[in-house]
Amino acid sequence: MILRREPQPRGPADASMTLLNDVIRRPLDPGYVEVAERKAAGLDTGRTWVQFAWVFLVAVLLGTLITTAVVTLRTPKDGVVRARALLEERIDRGRTQVKSLRAANATVSQQIAKLQSDALASTDPNLLTSLSQYEVASGAAAVSGPGLRVTLDDAADVRQNPDQADPLSRVMASDIQEVVNGLWAAGAEAISVNGERLTSLSAVRGAGLAILVDLSPLLPPYSVEAIGDPDALRARFSRTSASTRLELLGEHYGIVSSVSAVGNLQLTGGGSVTLRYAAVHVQEDASKTAPTPTPTLEASPTPAQEGNTP
């Protein structure tokens, strides 16, 4: 007997690629196919107006909740408001105290100057004259006369909405420095910024958004006053880089500036000059066998700060 073996049935050649076959034969998800069939049969006409109304109400509710949360977070709490009011009160009190101390300092300085003048008027008038000239040159003495006033102010959007305005639309310390340097180059004899007299030791600098002259903060608008021949100062200042900078600031950032001649400017003194060192000048006296030393005080040459040297 011959045993015959029946051939085993073979499956399709791509039986191991079921997933790929499903993707090729049924490219759409069954859910999409069902929706398409329902639409073709007229059973699904899309979203009804009730569904749209619910979506609209949910959107309005979410918008209301988000707006309420934002307003609540932006509104300062009572503790913050009280702390800010206390801080503002302390600042006002400090400014009043500083103003009082400056007035007292000015009074004492005048008394010292009078005593010094009375003491030197009879003993050494030449030294008194030289001292007066040095005080004017160093900025220690108050001066007055005709000159030029340059004003700068922030752009209009900064004044209206300072929190959201472009920081470049504010007047910066470098702008004040440029104007001061331009006035010195134009031949100014004395300069003050918002009433703060500039000396060879003064510094115009920035601290964040604040502008300081030494340790005194300045508030806009900024007024830079320079004593000298108004016509000559204006003509020379217009040829400096400071004048060009003011024009560019106005064109690109909206910063307001003006240059005007003033018939009489009153610039306060910068206070007494601190003595750095003293030198003794020896003068030969033919009537005596030994030289007589005459003490003379000299201020040390301190490097000037940026933007403030005549």
Protein backbone atom coordinates (compact mmCIF):
# COMPACT_ATOMS: atom_id res chain seq x y z
CA MET A 1 0.00 0.00 0.00
CA ILE A 2 1.33 3.39 -0.94
CA LEU A 3 0.67 6.12 1.59
CA ARG A 4 -0.24 9.42 -0.04
CA ARG A 5 0.24 12.73 1.74
CA GLU A 6 -2.23 15.45 0.96
CA PRO A 7 -0.62 18.86 0.27
CA GLN A 8 -1.08 21.33 3.12
CA PRO A 9 -3.14 24.41 2.21
CA ARG A 10 -1.08 27.49 1.93
CA GLY A 11 -2.15 30.92 3.18
CA PRO A 12 -1.67 34.14 1.29
CA ALA A 13 1.85 35.37 0.80
CA ASP A 14 1.16 38.60 2.70
CA ALA A 15 -0.45 36.93 5.68
CA SER A 16 2.19 38.34 8.04
CA MET A 17 1.41 41.94 6.98
CA THR A 18 -2.09 42.25 8.37
CA LEU A 19 -1.68 45.75 9.75
CA LEU A 20 -0.28 47.07 6.47
CA ASN A 21 -3.09 45.42 4.53
CA ASP A 22 -5.69 47.02 6.80
CA VAL A 23 -4.14 50.45 6.25
CA ILE A 24 -4.15 49.96 2.47
CA ARG A 25 -7.67 48.49 2.20
CA ARG A 26 -9.32 50.70 4.85
CA PRO A 27 -7.41 53.99 4.98
CA LEU A 28 -10.16 55.74 6.96
CA ASP A 29 -10.78 55.11 10.61
CA PRO A 30 -14.03 53.17 11.17
CA GLY A 31 -15.46 56.12 13.06
CA TYR A 32 -14.94 58.42 10.07
CA VAL A 33 -16.46 55.80 7.76
CA GLU A 34 -19.53 55.56 9.97
CA VAL A 35 -19.98 59.34 10.03
CA ALA A 36 -19.62 59.49 6.24
CA GLU A 37 -22.22 56.77 5.80
CA ARG A 38 -24.63 58.51 8.18
CA LYS A 39 -24.24 61.77 6.28
CA ALA A 40 -24.78 59.97 2.98
CA ALA A 41 -27.94 58.42 4.36
CA GLY A 42 -29.18 61.77 5.67
CA LEU A 43 -29.08 60.65 9.29
CA ASP A 44 -26.41 63.17 10.48
CA THR A 45 -26.79 66.79 9.44
CA GLY A 46 -23.93 68.12 11.59
CA ARG A 47 -24.09 70.14 14.76
CA THR A 48 -27.43 71.58 15.70
CA TRP A 49 -28.00 75.07 16.99
CA VAL A 50 -28.27 73.63 20.51
CA GLN A 51 -24.73 72.33 20.29
CA PHE A 52 -23.48 75.68 19.02
CA ALA A 53 -25.29 77.42 21.85
CA TRP A 54 -23.65 75.16 24.42
CA VAL A 55 -20.20 75.79 22.90
CA PHE A 56 -20.83 79.55 22.97
CA LEU A 57 -21.96 79.48 26.61
CA VAL A 58 -18.92 77.43 27.67
CA ALA A 59 -16.59 79.85 25.83
CA VAL A 60 -18.24 82.85 27.52
CA LEU A 61 -18.00 81.18 30.91
CA LEU A 62 -14.32 80.35 30.45
CA GLY A 63 -13.57 83.90 29.26
CA THR A 64 -15.36 85.36 32.27
CA LEU A 65 -13.46 83.13 34.67
CA ILE A 66 -10.09 83.96 33.09
CA THR A 67 -10.81 87.71 33.09
CA THR A 68 -11.89 87.60 36.75
CA ALA A 69 -8.74 85.69 37.70
CA VAL A 70 -6.47 88.13 35.86
CA VAL A 71 -8.15 91.19 37.41
CA THR A 72 -7.99 89.61 40.86
CA LEU A 73 -4.29 88.84 40.52
CA ARG A 74 -3.45 92.31 39.16
CA THR A 75 -5.35 94.16 41.87
CA PRO A 76 -2.99 94.76 44.80
CA LYS A 77 -4.03 93.42 48.14
CA ASP A 78 -4.74 95.64 51.12
CA GLY A 79 -1.40 94.84 52.70
CA VAL A 80 0.46 95.80 49.55
CA VAL A 81 -1.49 99.06 49.29
CA ARG A 82 -0.71 99.96 52.91
CA ALA A 83 2.97 99.09 52.48
CA ARG A 84 3.19 101.24 49.36
CA ALA A 85 1.48 104.16 51.10
CA LEU A 86 3.90 103.84 54.02
CA LEU A 87 6.86 103.75 51.65
CA GLU A 88 5.62 106.85 49.81
CA GLU A 89 5.19 108.64 53.13
CA ARG A 90 8.75 107.77 54.15
CA ILE A 91 10.07 108.98 50.80
CA ASP A 92 8.24 112.31 51.14
CA ARG A 93 9.50 112.69 54.68
CA GLY A 94 13.06 111.90 53.55
CA ARG A 95 12.86 114.44 50.73
CA THR A 96 11.67 117.10 53.14
CA GLN A 97 14.52 116.28 55.49
CA VAL A 98 17.08 116.40 52.68
CA LYS A 99 15.72 119.77 51.55
CA SER A 100 15.98 121.12 55.11
CA LEU A 101 19.55 119.82 55.51
CA ARG A 102 20.58 121.36 52.19
CA ALA A 103 19.18 124.71 53.26
CA ALA A 104 21.05 124.47 56.57
CA ASN A 105 24.23 123.47 54.74
CA ALA A 106 23.90 126.45 52.41
CA THR A 107 23.45 128.79 55.39
CA VAL A 108 26.53 127.41 57.15
CA SER A 109 28.54 127.63 53.92
CA GLN A 110 27.61 131.30 53.59
CA GLN A 111 28.68 131.93 57.16
CA ILE A 112 32.01 130.18 56.57
CA ALA A 113 32.58 132.16 53.37
CA LYS A 114 31.86 135.44 55.19
CA LEU A 115 34.23 134.60 58.07
CA GLN A 116 36.89 133.55 55.56
CA SER A 117 36.48 136.76 53.58
CA ASP A 118 36.64 138.90 56.73
CA ALA A 119 39.79 137.11 57.88
CA LEU A 120 41.62 137.37 54.55
CA ALA A 121 40.43 140.82 53.50
CA SER A 122 42.84 142.58 55.82
CA THR A 123 45.69 140.07 55.97
CA ASP A 124 46.02 138.77 52.38
CA PRO A 125 43.61 140.29 49.84
CA ASN A 126 45.46 138.68 46.92
CA LEU A 127 44.85 135.23 48.38
CA LEU A 128 41.17 136.10 48.84
CA THR A 129 40.89 137.10 45.16
CA SER A 130 42.60 133.91 44.02
CA LEU A 131 40.41 131.84 46.30
CA SER A 132 37.24 133.41 44.89
CA GLN A 133 38.37 132.64 41.34
CA TYR A 134 39.15 129.04 42.23
CA GLU A 135 35.76 128.61 43.89
CA VAL A 136 34.01 129.79 40.73
CA ALA A 137 36.13 127.53 38.52
CA SER A 138 35.66 124.49 40.74
CA GLY A 139 31.91 125.01 41.08
CA ALA A 140 31.96 125.59 44.84
CA ALA A 141 30.56 129.14 44.56
CA ALA A 142 27.16 130.16 43.22
CA VAL A 143 27.21 132.00 39.89
CA SER A 144 24.69 133.87 37.76
CA GLY A 145 24.52 135.27 34.25
CA PRO A 146 23.10 134.71 30.77
CA GLY A 147 23.29 131.31 29.19
CA LEU A 148 21.56 128.40 27.51
CA ARG A 149 18.91 125.99 28.78
CA VAL A 150 18.52 122.52 27.21
CA THR A 151 15.43 120.57 28.28
CA LEU A 152 14.69 116.88 27.70
CA ASP A 153 11.57 114.89 28.52
CA ASP A 154 10.36 111.34 27.99
CA ALA A 155 8.13 110.46 25.06
CA ALA A 156 4.37 110.97 25.35
CA ASP A 157 3.60 107.24 25.68
CA VAL A 158 6.00 107.01 28.65
CA ARG A 159 4.25 109.87 30.42
CA GLN A 160 0.80 108.38 29.73
CA ASN A 161 1.52 104.70 30.38
CA PRO A 162 4.99 104.26 31.91
CA ASP A 163 4.58 100.54 32.72
CA GLN A 164 3.95 99.42 29.13
CA ALA A 165 5.99 102.02 27.22
CA ASP A 166 9.17 101.30 25.31
CA PRO A 167 12.18 101.74 27.66
CA LEU A 168 14.10 103.36 24.80
CA SER A 169 11.54 106.18 24.81
CA ARG A 170 12.88 107.35 28.17
CA VAL A 171 15.68 109.85 28.65
CA MET A 172 18.79 107.97 29.78
CA ALA A 173 21.86 109.02 31.73
CA SER A 174 23.97 108.76 28.56
CA ASP A 175 21.71 111.36 26.91
CA ILE A 176 22.29 113.81 29.79
CA GLN A 177 26.03 113.09 29.65
CA GLU A 178 26.10 113.80 25.92
CA VAL A 179 24.32 117.14 26.40
CA VAL A 180 26.63 118.15 29.26
CA ASN A 181 29.74 117.26 27.24
CA GLY A 182 28.38 119.23 24.28
CA LEU A 183 27.83 122.32 26.44
CA TRP A 184 31.33 122.08 27.93
CA ALA A 185 32.73 121.76 24.40
CA ALA A 186 30.67 124.77 23.32
CA GLY A 187 32.39 126.92 25.96
CA ALA A 188 30.06 126.80 28.97
CA GLU A 189 31.50 128.36 32.12
CA ALA A 190 29.22 126.58 34.61
CA ILE A 191 26.55 123.86 34.26
CA SER A 192 23.78 122.47 36.45
CA VAL A 193 21.29 119.64 35.86
CA ASN A 194 17.88 120.09 37.53
CA GLY A 195 19.49 122.50 39.96
CA GLU A 196 22.44 120.19 40.78
CA ARG A 197 25.69 122.05 40.09
CA LEU A 198 28.33 120.04 38.25
CA THR A 199 31.94 120.20 39.43
CA SER A 200 35.09 118.41 38.35
CA LEU A 201 34.17 115.65 40.83
CA SER A 202 30.51 115.27 39.82
CA ALA A 203 29.16 112.23 38.00
CA VAL A 204 26.01 111.84 35.91
CA ARG A 205 25.12 108.16 35.99
CA GLY A 206 22.20 105.80 35.69
CA ALA A 207 20.83 103.34 38.25
CA GLY A 208 18.14 101.28 36.57
CA LEU A 209 15.58 103.76 35.24
CA ALA A 210 16.79 106.52 37.59
CA ILE A 211 19.29 109.22 36.65
CA LEU A 212 21.60 110.50 39.39
CA VAL A 213 23.95 113.45 39.76
CA ASP A 214 26.34 112.07 42.37
CA LEU A 215 23.77 110.72 44.88
CA SER A 216 20.89 113.06 44.01
CA PRO A 217 18.11 111.49 41.89
CA LEU A 218 16.61 113.50 39.04
CA LEU A 219 13.02 113.49 37.84
CA PRO A 220 11.81 114.37 34.32
CA PRO A 221 11.66 116.79 32.67
CA TYR A 222 15.42 117.34 32.76
CA SER A 223 16.79 120.88 32.54
CA VAL A 224 20.47 121.40 31.75
CA GLU A 225 21.52 125.03 32.31
CA ALA A 226 24.84 126.46 31.16
CA ILE A 227 26.22 129.95 31.74
CA GLY A 228 27.98 131.68 28.86
CA ASP A 229 27.34 133.83 25.82
CA PRO A 230 23.93 132.53 24.64
CA ASP A 231 24.52 133.15 20.93
CA ALA A 232 28.00 131.64 20.92
CA LEU A 233 26.86 128.67 23.02
CA ARG A 234 23.92 127.96 20.72
CA ALA A 235 26.04 128.18 17.55
CA ARG A 236 28.79 125.93 18.92
CA PHE A 237 26.37 123.49 20.55
CA SER A 238 24.53 123.00 17.24
CA ARG A 239 27.78 121.70 15.72
CA THR A 240 28.38 119.07 18.40
CA SER A 241 27.29 115.44 18.43
CA ALA A 242 24.91 116.25 21.29
CA SER A 243 22.70 118.35 19.01
CA THR A 244 22.58 115.52 16.45
CA ARG A 245 21.72 113.05 19.22
CA LEU A 246 18.77 115.17 20.35
CA GLU A 247 17.38 115.23 16.80
CA LEU A 248 17.71 111.44 16.46
CA LEU A 249 16.06 110.87 19.85
CA GLY A 250 13.11 112.97 18.75
CA GLU A 251 12.74 111.29 15.35
CA HIS A 252 13.10 107.65 16.41
CA TYR A 253 11.88 107.56 20.02
CA GLY A 254 9.66 110.64 20.44
CA ILE A 255 11.84 112.20 23.17
CA VAL A 256 11.04 115.90 23.48
CA SER A 257 13.91 118.40 23.65
CA SER A 258 14.43 122.14 23.25
CA VAL A 259 17.28 124.64 23.35
CA SER A 260 16.58 128.21 24.47
CA ALA A 261 18.58 131.26 25.49
CA VAL A 262 18.01 132.69 28.99
CA GLY A 263 18.92 136.22 30.04
CA ASN A 264 19.79 135.41 33.64
CA LEU A 265 20.52 131.98 35.12
CA GLN A 266 21.06 131.37 38.83
CA LEU A 267 23.28 128.35 39.52
CA THR A 268 23.86 127.29 43.09
CA GLY A 269 27.27 126.27 44.37
CA GLY A 270 28.36 122.68 44.57
CA GLY A 271 29.42 122.95 48.22
CA SER A 272 32.83 123.14 49.80
CA VAL A 273 35.74 121.38 48.12
CA THR A 274 37.34 118.57 50.11
CA LEU A 275 41.08 119.06 50.72
CA ARG A 276 43.06 116.16 49.26
CA TYR A 277 46.63 117.24 50.08
CA ALA A 278 48.64 120.36 50.93
CA ALA A 279 52.03 121.56 49.68
CA VAL A 280 54.35 124.13 51.28
CA HIS A 281 55.83 126.75 48.94
CA VAL A 282 59.09 128.19 50.20
CA GLN A 283 59.77 131.82 49.28
CA GLU A 284 63.24 133.37 49.50
CA ASP A 285 63.44 136.54 51.59
CA ALA A 286 66.54 138.64 51.03
CA SER A 287 66.18 140.42 54.37
CA LYS A 288 66.47 137.18 56.32
CA THR A 289 69.14 134.56 56.40
CA ALA A 290 66.71 131.66 56.43
CA PRO A 291 63.78 131.14 54.09
CA THR A 292 60.29 131.56 55.49
CA PRO A 293 57.85 128.80 54.53
CA THR A 294 54.44 129.97 53.42
CA PRO A 295 51.79 127.27 53.46
CA THR A 296 49.55 127.08 50.44
CA LEU A 297 46.70 124.65 50.08
CA GLU A 298 46.14 122.95 46.76
CA ALA A 299 43.33 120.63 45.71
CA SER A 300 44.51 117.35 44.29
CA PRO A 301 43.90 116.76 40.59
CA THR A 302 41.22 114.08 40.67
CA PRO A 303 40.23 112.41 37.40
CA ALA A 304 36.94 113.85 36.27
CA GLN A 305 33.87 111.69 35.91
CA GLU A 306 32.34 110.92 32.55
CA GLY A 307 30.25 113.70 31.09
CA ASN A 308 31.02 116.42 33.61
CA THR A 309 34.43 117.94 32.90
CA PRO A 310 34.71 121.44 31.50
